[in-house]
Protein backbone atom coordinates (compact mmCIF):
# COMPACT_ATOMS: atom_id res chain seq x y z
CA MET A 1 0.00 0.00 0.00
CA ALA A 2 1.33 3.40 -0.91
CA THR A 3 1.23 6.48 1.27
CA LYS A 4 -2.00 8.46 1.47
CA ASP A 5 -2.35 12.23 1.82
CA ILE A 6 -5.01 13.06 4.39
CA THR A 7 -6.78 16.25 5.43
CA ALA A 8 -8.12 17.41 8.78
CA GLU A 9 -11.55 16.07 7.77
CA GLU A 10 -10.11 12.59 7.17
CA PHE A 11 -7.73 12.47 10.14
CA ASN A 12 -9.99 11.07 12.87
CA THR A 13 -11.70 8.52 10.61
CA THR A 14 -8.33 7.37 9.29
CA ILE A 15 -6.83 6.74 12.74
CA ASN A 16 -10.02 5.30 14.23
CA ASP A 17 -11.07 3.03 11.34
CA ASN A 18 -7.70 1.29 10.89
CA GLU A 19 -5.74 -0.99 13.23
CA ILE A 20 -2.36 0.75 12.75
CA VAL A 21 -1.79 4.18 11.23
CA LEU A 22 1.49 6.06 10.84
CA VAL A 23 1.18 9.77 10.16
CA ASP A 24 4.02 11.80 8.66
CA PHE A 25 3.63 15.54 9.20
CA TRP A 26 5.73 17.25 6.51
CA ALA A 27 6.06 20.29 4.20
CA SER A 28 7.38 20.62 0.66
CA TRP A 29 10.00 23.21 1.67
CA CYS A 30 11.46 20.94 4.39
CA GLY A 31 14.70 19.22 3.33
CA PRO A 32 14.60 16.48 6.00
CA CYS A 33 10.94 15.82 5.07
CA ARG A 34 11.86 15.32 1.41
CA ALA A 35 14.79 13.09 2.44
CA PHE A 36 12.50 10.96 4.66
CA ALA A 37 9.76 10.55 2.01
CA PRO A 38 11.41 7.66 0.08
CA THR A 39 12.09 5.77 3.35
CA TYR A 40 8.46 6.23 4.42
CA SER A 41 7.18 5.17 1.00
CA ALA A 42 9.43 2.07 0.90
CA SER A 43 8.21 1.05 4.36
CA SER A 44 4.58 1.40 3.19
CA GLU A 45 5.29 -1.14 0.45
CA LYS A 46 6.67 -3.63 3.01
CA HIS A 47 3.67 -3.30 5.37
CA PRO A 48 0.40 -3.29 3.40
CA ASP A 49 -1.48 -3.92 6.66
CA VAL A 50 -0.43 -0.49 8.00
CA VAL A 51 -1.90 2.82 6.80
CA TYR A 52 0.86 5.31 5.93
CA ALA A 53 -0.75 8.74 6.02
CA LYS A 54 0.89 12.05 5.17
CA VAL A 55 -0.23 15.49 6.36
CA ASP A 56 1.05 18.54 4.51
CA THR A 57 1.48 21.02 7.36
CA GLU A 58 1.27 23.97 4.95
CA ALA A 59 -2.11 22.89 3.57
CA GLU A 60 -3.37 21.61 6.94
CA GLN A 61 -2.15 24.28 9.36
CA GLN A 62 -5.06 23.87 11.79
CA LEU A 63 -4.52 20.11 11.97
CA ALA A 64 -0.79 20.61 12.52
CA ALA A 65 -1.58 23.07 15.32
CA ALA A 66 -4.14 20.72 16.87
CA ALA A 67 -1.56 17.91 16.78
CA ASP A 68 0.95 20.26 18.47
CA ILE A 69 3.48 19.89 15.65
CA ARG A 70 6.50 22.04 16.56
CA SER A 71 9.04 20.74 14.04
CA ILE A 72 8.90 18.61 10.94
CA PRO A 73 9.05 15.94 9.94
CA THR A 74 7.09 14.55 12.87
CA LEU A 75 6.01 10.94 12.84
CA MET A 76 3.08 9.68 14.88
CA ALA A 77 1.87 6.11 15.23
CA PHE A 78 -1.65 5.16 16.25
CA LYS A 79 -2.95 1.72 17.19
CA LYS A 80 -6.72 1.24 17.46
CA GLY A 81 -7.10 5.02 17.50
CA LYS A 82 -4.65 5.58 20.38
CA LEU A 83 -1.41 7.53 19.97
CA VAL A 84 1.49 5.18 20.78
CA PHE A 85 4.44 7.08 19.26
CA ASN A 86 5.17 10.75 18.57
CA GLN A 87 8.63 11.97 17.55
CA ALA A 88 10.06 14.79 15.49
CA GLY A 89 12.87 14.03 13.07
CA ALA A 90 13.39 11.75 10.11
CA LEU A 91 14.02 8.12 10.98
CA PRO A 92 16.57 6.03 9.09
CA PRO A 93 15.10 2.91 7.39
CA ALA A 94 16.18 0.48 10.12
CA ALA A 95 14.68 2.64 12.89
CA LEU A 96 11.40 3.01 10.98
CA GLU A 97 11.25 -0.77 10.46
CA ASP A 98 11.91 -1.28 14.18
CA LEU A 99 9.13 1.19 15.05
CA VAL A 100 6.61 -0.57 12.77
CA GLN A 101 7.44 -3.94 14.35
CA LYS A 102 7.14 -2.54 17.88
CA VAL A 103 3.77 -0.94 17.12
CA LYS A 104 2.52 -4.22 15.62
CA GLU A 105 3.64 -6.13 18.74
CA PHE A 106 2.38 -3.54 21.23
CA ASP A 107 -0.68 -4.74 23.18
CA ILE A 108 -2.77 -1.58 23.19
CA ASP A 109 -5.70 -3.30 24.89
CA ALA A 110 -3.53 -4.28 27.89
CA ALA A 111 -2.04 -0.79 28.02
CA VAL A 112 -5.48 0.84 28.00
CA ALA A 113 -6.71 -1.59 30.68
CA ALA A 114 -3.67 -0.85 32.86
CA GLN A 115 -4.23 2.88 32.42
CA ASP A 116 -7.92 2.49 33.35
CA ASP A 117 -6.92 0.47 36.44
CA SER A 118 -4.44 3.14 37.57
CA GLN A 119 -7.05 5.87 37.19
CA GLY A 120 -9.88 3.94 38.86
C-alpha cells in the first residue's frame, strides 16, 4: 500500500477506522521531510497492513496546530485510535522498520486496561 495524503476532515476517521496508522507531518520546503519521504514510502510497500498517512502542514495548518506539531518531519503512530508514538525528526530505514514492528507487537488493549486500572 502506498502512502496516502489526508486532510483534517479525514484524520480522525483514518486513525479510528484502521488498526495501525502512521502519520508523517511534513512540508514541501522541508529538506529532511523530502529526504524521509522515500524511506516512508518504501516502508509502506513492506507493510500493506499499515496505513501510511501524510499530512502537509502547509495545507493543513489547523490540523498541525491541533496535533501540536512544533518541528517537521514529525512521525506519529496510532494503534486502534490511540497515539502510541510521537517523535520529530526523520528516521533512518532500520529505525522506521523497528518502530513498525514494535507498534505491531504492542498490546494496546492491555495498556489501555492498565491505564484504566491506575485511574480507577
